[in-house]
Amino acid sequence: MTTRRTGLLGGTFDPIHFGHLFIAQAVRELAGLDRVLFLPVGDPAHREVHSSAQDRCEMVRRAIAGNDAFVLDTTALEQPGPVYTADTLALLNAKLPDDELSFIAGVDSLTVSRWRRLDEVAAALARFYAVRREGARSEDVAAIIADLPAPLRERFVVLDLPLVDISASVIRARVRAGQSVRYLTPDDVARLIVDRGLYRGA
């Protein structure tokens, strides 16, 4: 049986936007992944959320609906908080024992806050794809993983992609100001934000 190569893109997705979707598609192509699982986190350890887990899950569902290689996975929504990546990966490896798992994240997410149990995270993965963002350098990743054993360090791959400068905080600010967020996030996501009155006080 051929091993399925599965990418994992986790986050609060508060809201999901075209930057997330572009990174998932670009890394899937570059890394030869068969699919990408989108993992909205219910109660993240290091991030405040501004909408419910149910709303964020539905936004992801709507955003990825047109891509057969994108799949919503609720493992990190169902975990009791605070949610740590190492625990999510243990659950996913048990759930998908025949898949080769690779994680996708921005370099900034590795360097802004110290990851707990990064050795466990790396050990659970075939690759950790770190996407370089504006102002981030490969050297920053090297410093973060310097204490890991060499076989685990080798699992980290830094990728250069075109910068899609969209952030969830900008989208929330525009909603709060009564401004359009069309072309920052898929239309079905923008409609849900309006219909459910999300982020008006965020």
C-alpha atoms as a PDB file:
ATOM      1  CA  MET A   1       0.000   0.000   0.000  1.00  0.00           C
ATOM      2  CA  THR A   2       1.298   3.450  -0.923  1.00  0.00           C
ATOM      3  CA  THR A   3       1.803   5.736   2.065  1.00  0.00           C
ATOM      4  CA  ARG A   4      -0.391   8.836   1.926  1.00  0.00           C
ATOM      5  CA  ARG A   5       1.592  12.025   2.443  1.00  0.00           C
ATOM      6  CA  THR A   6      -0.494  14.344   4.580  1.00  0.00           C
ATOM      7  CA  GLY A   7       0.270  17.948   5.454  1.00  0.00           C
ATOM      8  CA  LEU A   8      -1.087  19.542   8.632  1.00  0.00           C
ATOM      9  CA  LEU A   9      -1.957  23.231   8.872  1.00  0.00           C
ATOM     10  CA  GLY A  10      -3.100  24.191  12.337  1.00  0.00           C
ATOM     11  CA  GLY A  11      -4.235  27.509  13.711  1.00  0.00           C
ATOM     12  CA  THR A  12      -7.056  29.475  15.245  1.00  0.00           C
ATOM     13  CA  PHE A  13      -8.296  30.496  11.756  1.00  0.00           C
ATOM     14  CA  ASP A  14      -9.944  33.514  13.352  1.00  0.00           C
ATOM     15  CA  PRO A  15     -10.846  34.005  10.513  1.00  0.00           C
ATOM     16  CA  ILE A  16      -9.269  31.814   7.834  1.00  0.00           C
ATOM     17  CA  HIS A  17      -8.071  33.871   4.857  1.00  0.00           C
ATOM     18  CA  PHE A  18      -6.411  33.611   1.468  1.00  0.00           C
ATOM     19  CA  GLY A  19      -2.939  33.646   3.040  1.00  0.00           C
ATOM     20  CA  HIS A  20      -3.673  30.346   4.792  1.00  0.00           C
ATOM     21  CA  LEU A  21      -5.106  28.827   1.618  1.00  0.00           C
ATOM     22  CA  PHE A  22      -2.192  29.915  -0.558  1.00  0.00           C
ATOM     23  CA  ILE A  23       0.398  28.530   1.872  1.00  0.00           C
ATOM     24  CA  ALA A  24      -1.416  25.192   2.066  1.00  0.00           C
ATOM     25  CA  GLN A  25      -1.612  24.873  -1.718  1.00  0.00           C
ATOM     26  CA  ALA A  26       1.947  26.050  -2.379  1.00  0.00           C
ATOM     27  CA  VAL A  27       3.497  23.738   0.228  1.00  0.00           C
ATOM     28  CA  ARG A  28       1.385  20.828  -0.995  1.00  0.00           C
ATOM     29  CA  GLU A  29       2.789  21.304  -4.489  1.00  0.00           C
ATOM     30  CA  LEU A  30       6.394  21.898  -3.428  1.00  0.00           C
ATOM     31  CA  ALA A  31       6.473  18.997  -0.983  1.00  0.00           C
ATOM     32  CA  GLY A  32       4.464  16.571  -3.094  1.00  0.00           C
ATOM     33  CA  LEU A  33       1.785  16.138  -0.434  1.00  0.00           C
ATOM     34  CA  ASP A  34      -1.357  14.206  -1.269  1.00  0.00           C
ATOM     35  CA  ARG A  35      -3.566  16.384   0.889  1.00  0.00           C
ATOM     36  CA  VAL A  36      -3.567  19.028   3.605  1.00  0.00           C
ATOM     37  CA  LEU A  37      -5.599  18.744   6.795  1.00  0.00           C
ATOM     38  CA  PHE A  38      -6.775  22.051   8.252  1.00  0.00           C
ATOM     39  CA  LEU A  39      -6.780  21.807  12.045  1.00  0.00           C
ATOM     40  CA  PRO A  40      -8.670  24.625  13.775  1.00  0.00           C
ATOM     41  CA  VAL A  41      -7.636  24.746  17.435  1.00  0.00           C
ATOM     42  CA  GLY A  42     -10.421  24.991  19.977  1.00  0.00           C
ATOM     43  CA  ASP A  43      -8.536  26.356  22.993  1.00  0.00           C
ATOM     44  CA  PRO A  44      -4.996  27.283  21.917  1.00  0.00           C
ATOM     45  CA  ALA A  45      -2.284  27.505  24.548  1.00  0.00           C
ATOM     46  CA  HIS A  46      -0.674  30.734  23.311  1.00  0.00           C
ATOM     47  CA  ARG A  47      -3.366  32.622  21.415  1.00  0.00           C
ATOM     48  CA  GLU A  48      -6.537  34.529  22.266  1.00  0.00           C
ATOM     49  CA  VAL A  49      -9.580  33.709  20.146  1.00  0.00           C
ATOM     50  CA  HIS A  50     -12.301  36.132  19.036  1.00  0.00           C
ATOM     51  CA  SER A  51     -15.017  33.776  17.783  1.00  0.00           C
ATOM     52  CA  SER A  52     -16.352  30.402  18.852  1.00  0.00           C
ATOM     53  CA  ALA A  53     -14.818  27.087  17.900  1.00  0.00           C
ATOM     54  CA  GLN A  54     -18.016  26.266  16.006  1.00  0.00           C
ATOM     55  CA  ASP A  55     -17.844  29.470  13.956  1.00  0.00           C
ATOM     56  CA  ARG A  56     -14.155  28.990  13.163  1.00  0.00           C
ATOM     57  CA  CYS A  57     -14.779  25.385  12.151  1.00  0.00           C
ATOM     58  CA  GLU A  58     -17.554  26.456   9.792  1.00  0.00           C
ATOM     59  CA  MET A  59     -15.370  29.197   8.281  1.00  0.00           C
ATOM     60  CA  VAL A  60     -12.677  26.613   7.499  1.00  0.00           C
ATOM     61  CA  ARG A  61     -15.272  24.232   6.053  1.00  0.00           C
ATOM     62  CA  ARG A  62     -16.542  26.949   3.713  1.00  0.00           C
ATOM     63  CA  ALA A  63     -13.064  28.165   2.751  1.00  0.00           C
ATOM     64  CA  ILE A  64     -11.736  24.780   1.628  1.00  0.00           C
ATOM     65  CA  ALA A  65     -14.914  23.449   0.021  1.00  0.00           C
ATOM     66  CA  GLY A  66     -13.646  23.915  -3.538  1.00  0.00           C
ATOM     67  CA  ASN A  67     -10.374  21.975  -3.164  1.00  0.00           C
ATOM     68  CA  ASP A  68     -10.515  18.173  -3.026  1.00  0.00           C
ATOM     69  CA  ALA A  69      -6.991  18.051  -1.562  1.00  0.00           C
ATOM     70  CA  PHE A  70      -8.013  20.148   1.470  1.00  0.00           C
ATOM     71  CA  VAL A  71      -9.709  18.409   4.402  1.00  0.00           C
ATOM     72  CA  LEU A  72     -11.148  19.740   7.665  1.00  0.00           C
ATOM     73  CA  ASP A  73      -9.984  17.782  10.715  1.00  0.00           C
ATOM     74  CA  THR A  74     -11.551  18.473  14.121  1.00  0.00           C
ATOM     75  CA  THR A  75      -8.987  16.671  16.304  1.00  0.00           C
ATOM     76  CA  ALA A  76      -7.624  19.920  17.802  1.00  0.00           C
ATOM     77  CA  LEU A  77     -11.169  21.241  18.336  1.00  0.00           C
ATOM     78  CA  GLU A  78     -12.130  18.195  20.370  1.00  0.00           C
ATOM     79  CA  GLN A  79      -9.057  18.274  22.634  1.00  0.00           C
ATOM     80  CA  PRO A  80      -9.473  19.699  26.121  1.00  0.00           C
ATOM     81  CA  GLY A  81      -7.534  22.936  26.395  1.00  0.00           C
ATOM     82  CA  PRO A  82      -4.993  24.286  26.509  1.00  0.00           C
ATOM     83  CA  VAL A  83      -4.101  22.533  23.247  1.00  0.00           C
ATOM     84  CA  TYR A  84      -0.452  21.761  22.506  1.00  0.00           C
ATOM     85  CA  THR A  85       0.764  20.576  19.104  1.00  0.00           C
ATOM     86  CA  ALA A  86       2.634  17.592  20.549  1.00  0.00           C
ATOM     87  CA  ASP A  87      -0.608  16.212  22.003  1.00  0.00           C
ATOM     88  CA  THR A  88      -2.528  16.823  18.759  1.00  0.00           C
ATOM     89  CA  LEU A  89       0.135  14.969  16.768  1.00  0.00           C
ATOM     90  CA  ALA A  90      -0.034  11.961  19.086  1.00  0.00           C
ATOM     91  CA  LEU A  91      -3.777  11.771  18.475  1.00  0.00           C
ATOM     92  CA  LEU A  92      -3.360  12.175  14.712  1.00  0.00           C
ATOM     93  CA  ASN A  93      -0.668   9.493  14.469  1.00  0.00           C
ATOM     94  CA  ALA A  94      -3.015   7.098  16.280  1.00  0.00           C
ATOM     95  CA  LYS A  95      -5.925   8.136  14.048  1.00  0.00           C
ATOM     96  CA  LEU A  96      -3.925   7.980  10.783  1.00  0.00           C
ATOM     97  CA  PRO A  97      -1.322   5.243  11.360  1.00  0.00           C
ATOM     98  CA  ASP A  98      -0.678   4.719   7.648  1.00  0.00           C
ATOM     99  CA  ASP A  99      -0.155   8.419   6.815  1.00  0.00           C
ATOM    100  CA  GLU A 100       3.201  10.202   6.677  1.00  0.00           C
ATOM    101  CA  LEU A 101       2.539  13.465   8.527  1.00  0.00           C
ATOM    102  CA  SER A 102       4.233  16.803   7.849  1.00  0.00           C
ATOM    103  CA  PHE A 103       3.493  20.066   9.649  1.00  0.00           C
ATOM    104  CA  ILE A 104       3.179  23.459   7.942  1.00  0.00           C
ATOM    105  CA  ALA A 105       3.753  26.706   9.838  1.00  0.00           C
ATOM    106  CA  GLY A 106       5.158  30.174   9.381  1.00  0.00           C
ATOM    107  CA  VAL A 107       8.714  30.791  10.527  1.00  0.00           C
ATOM    108  CA  ASP A 108       7.263  33.507  12.762  1.00  0.00           C
ATOM    109  CA  SER A 109       5.123  30.986  14.661  1.00  0.00           C
ATOM    110  CA  LEU A 110       8.289  29.051  15.524  1.00  0.00           C
ATOM    111  CA  THR A 111      10.270  32.085  16.625  1.00  0.00           C
ATOM    112  CA  VAL A 112       7.734  34.387  18.328  1.00  0.00           C
ATOM    113  CA  SER A 113       6.859  32.030  21.164  1.00  0.00           C
ATOM    114  CA  ARG A 114       8.865  29.094  22.472  1.00  0.00           C
ATOM    115  CA  TRP A 115       7.292  25.786  21.445  1.00  0.00           C
ATOM    116  CA  ARG A 116       6.763  23.359  24.284  1.00  0.00           C
ATOM    117  CA  ARG A 117       8.034  19.812  23.615  1.00  0.00           C
ATOM    118  CA  LEU A 118       9.411  20.684  20.184  1.00  0.00           C
ATOM    119  CA  ASP A 119      11.397  17.448  20.274  1.00  0.00           C
ATOM    120  CA  GLU A 120       8.143  15.472  20.528  1.00  0.00           C
ATOM    121  CA  VAL A 121       6.646  17.488  17.699  1.00  0.00           C
ATOM    122  CA  ALA A 122       9.602  16.811  15.402  1.00  0.00           C
ATOM    123  CA  ALA A 123       9.720  13.114  16.338  1.00  0.00           C
ATOM    124  CA  ALA A 124       6.059  12.711  15.331  1.00  0.00           C
ATOM    125  CA  LEU A 125       6.626  14.152  11.831  1.00  0.00           C
ATOM    126  CA  ALA A 126       8.333  13.251   8.582  1.00  0.00           C
ATOM    127  CA  ARG A 127       8.952  16.961   7.881  1.00  0.00           C
ATOM    128  CA  PHE A 128       8.250  20.332   9.463  1.00  0.00           C
ATOM    129  CA  TYR A 129       7.841  22.906   6.694  1.00  0.00           C
ATOM    130  CA  ALA A 130       8.540  26.420   7.956  1.00  0.00           C
ATOM    131  CA  VAL A 131       7.358  29.095   5.528  1.00  0.00           C
ATOM    132  CA  ARG A 132       9.506  32.203   5.589  1.00  0.00           C
ATOM    133  CA  ARG A 133       7.591  35.416   6.262  1.00  0.00           C
ATOM    134  CA  GLU A 134       8.630  39.057   5.935  1.00  0.00           C
ATOM    135  CA  GLY A 135      11.448  39.804   8.391  1.00  0.00           C
ATOM    136  CA  ALA A 136      12.067  36.152   9.277  1.00  0.00           C
ATOM    137  CA  ARG A 137      15.301  34.333   8.414  1.00  0.00           C
ATOM    138  CA  SER A 138      16.450  30.741   8.120  1.00  0.00           C
ATOM    139  CA  GLU A 139      18.937  31.539  10.891  1.00  0.00           C
ATOM    140  CA  ASP A 140      16.003  32.177  13.219  1.00  0.00           C
ATOM    141  CA  VAL A 141      14.782  28.617  12.709  1.00  0.00           C
ATOM    142  CA  ALA A 142      18.297  27.237  13.129  1.00  0.00           C
ATOM    143  CA  ALA A 143      18.543  28.927  16.530  1.00  0.00           C
ATOM    144  CA  ILE A 144      15.198  27.503  17.682  1.00  0.00           C
ATOM    145  CA  ILE A 145      16.046  23.913  16.725  1.00  0.00           C
ATOM    146  CA  ALA A 146      19.732  24.040  17.713  1.00  0.00           C
ATOM    147  CA  ASP A 147      19.212  21.950  20.850  1.00  0.00           C
ATOM    148  CA  LEU A 148      17.430  19.120  19.040  1.00  0.00           C
ATOM    149  CA  PRO A 149      19.329  15.954  18.054  1.00  0.00           C
ATOM    150  CA  ALA A 150      20.648  16.085  14.477  1.00  0.00           C
ATOM    151  CA  PRO A 151      18.098  13.567  13.058  1.00  0.00           C
ATOM    152  CA  LEU A 152      15.257  15.776  14.327  1.00  0.00           C
ATOM    153  CA  ARG A 153      16.851  19.018  13.105  1.00  0.00           C
ATOM    154  CA  GLU A 154      17.016  17.529   9.619  1.00  0.00           C
ATOM    155  CA  ARG A 155      13.238  17.263   9.527  1.00  0.00           C
ATOM    156  CA  PHE A 156      12.867  21.056   9.432  1.00  0.00           C
ATOM    157  CA  VAL A 157      12.710  22.577   5.948  1.00  0.00           C
ATOM    158  CA  VAL A 158      12.475  26.346   5.384  1.00  0.00           C
ATOM    159  CA  LEU A 159      10.509  27.305   2.269  1.00  0.00           C
ATOM    160  CA  ASP A 160      10.471  30.639   0.469  1.00  0.00           C
ATOM    161  CA  LEU A 161       7.047  31.531  -0.907  1.00  0.00           C
ATOM    162  CA  PRO A 162       5.639  34.745  -2.346  1.00  0.00           C
ATOM    163  CA  LEU A 163       4.438  36.914   0.521  1.00  0.00           C
ATOM    164  CA  VAL A 164       0.651  37.103   0.873  1.00  0.00           C
ATOM    165  CA  ASP A 165       0.401  39.914   3.386  1.00  0.00           C
ATOM    166  CA  ILE A 166      -2.983  39.200   4.953  1.00  0.00           C
ATOM    167  CA  SER A 167      -3.570  38.762   8.657  1.00  0.00           C
ATOM    168  CA  ALA A 168      -6.627  37.750  10.644  1.00  0.00           C
ATOM    169  CA  SER A 169      -6.143  40.773  12.914  1.00  0.00           C
ATOM    170  CA  VAL A 170      -6.452  43.133   9.929  1.00  0.00           C
ATOM    171  CA  ILE A 171      -9.649  41.379   8.836  1.00  0.00           C
ATOM    172  CA  ARG A 172     -11.123  41.674  12.329  1.00  0.00           C
ATOM    173  CA  ALA A 173     -10.192  45.366  12.474  1.00  0.00           C
ATOM    174  CA  ARG A 174     -11.867  46.033   9.120  1.00  0.00           C
ATOM    175  CA  VAL A 175     -15.036  44.272  10.248  1.00  0.00           C
ATOM    176  CA  ARG A 176     -15.041  46.293  13.453  1.00  0.00           C
ATOM    177  CA  ALA A 177     -14.685  49.483  11.382  1.00  0.00           C
ATOM    178  CA  GLY A 178     -17.525  48.486   9.066  1.00  0.00           C
ATOM    179  CA  GLN A 179     -15.193  47.969   6.085  1.00  0.00           C
ATOM    180  CA  SER A 180     -15.366  45.236   3.464  1.00  0.00           C
ATOM    181  CA  VAL A 181     -13.181  42.137   3.799  1.00  0.00           C
ATOM    182  CA  ARG A 182     -13.945  40.857   0.315  1.00  0.00           C
ATOM    183  CA  TYR A 183     -10.837  39.570  -1.503  1.00  0.00           C
ATOM    184  CA  LEU A 184      -9.089  39.021   1.846  1.00  0.00           C
ATOM    185  CA  THR A 185     -11.070  35.873   2.624  1.00  0.00           C
ATOM    186  CA  PRO A 186     -13.374  33.667   0.503  1.00  0.00           C
ATOM    187  CA  ASP A 187     -16.809  35.119  -0.177  1.00  0.00           C
ATOM    188  CA  ASP A 188     -18.588  32.343   1.766  1.00  0.00           C
ATOM    189  CA  VAL A 189     -16.442  33.165   4.805  1.00  0.00           C
ATOM    190  CA  ALA A 190     -17.127  36.883   4.466  1.00  0.00           C
ATOM    191  CA  ARG A 191     -20.867  36.147   4.296  1.00  0.00           C
ATOM    192  CA  LEU A 192     -20.722  34.027   7.445  1.00  0.00           C
ATOM    193  CA  ILE A 193     -18.898  36.814   9.286  1.00  0.00           C
ATOM    194  CA  VAL A 194     -21.697  39.220   8.358  1.00  0.00           C
ATOM    195  CA  ASP A 195     -24.563  36.780   8.943  1.00  0.00           C
ATOM    196  CA  ARG A 196     -23.353  35.808  12.420  1.00  0.00           C
ATOM    197  CA  GLY A 197     -22.174  39.287  13.390  1.00  0.00           C
ATOM    198  CA  LEU A 198     -18.619  38.122  14.094  1.00  0.00           C
ATOM    199  CA  TYR A 199     -15.781  40.463  15.126  1.00  0.00           C
ATOM    200  CA  ARG A 200     -17.942  43.569  15.503  1.00  0.00           C
ATOM    201  CA  GLY A 201     -16.627  43.996  19.003  1.00  0.00           C
ATOM    202  CA  ALA A 202     -13.335  42.094  18.526  1.00  0.00           C
END
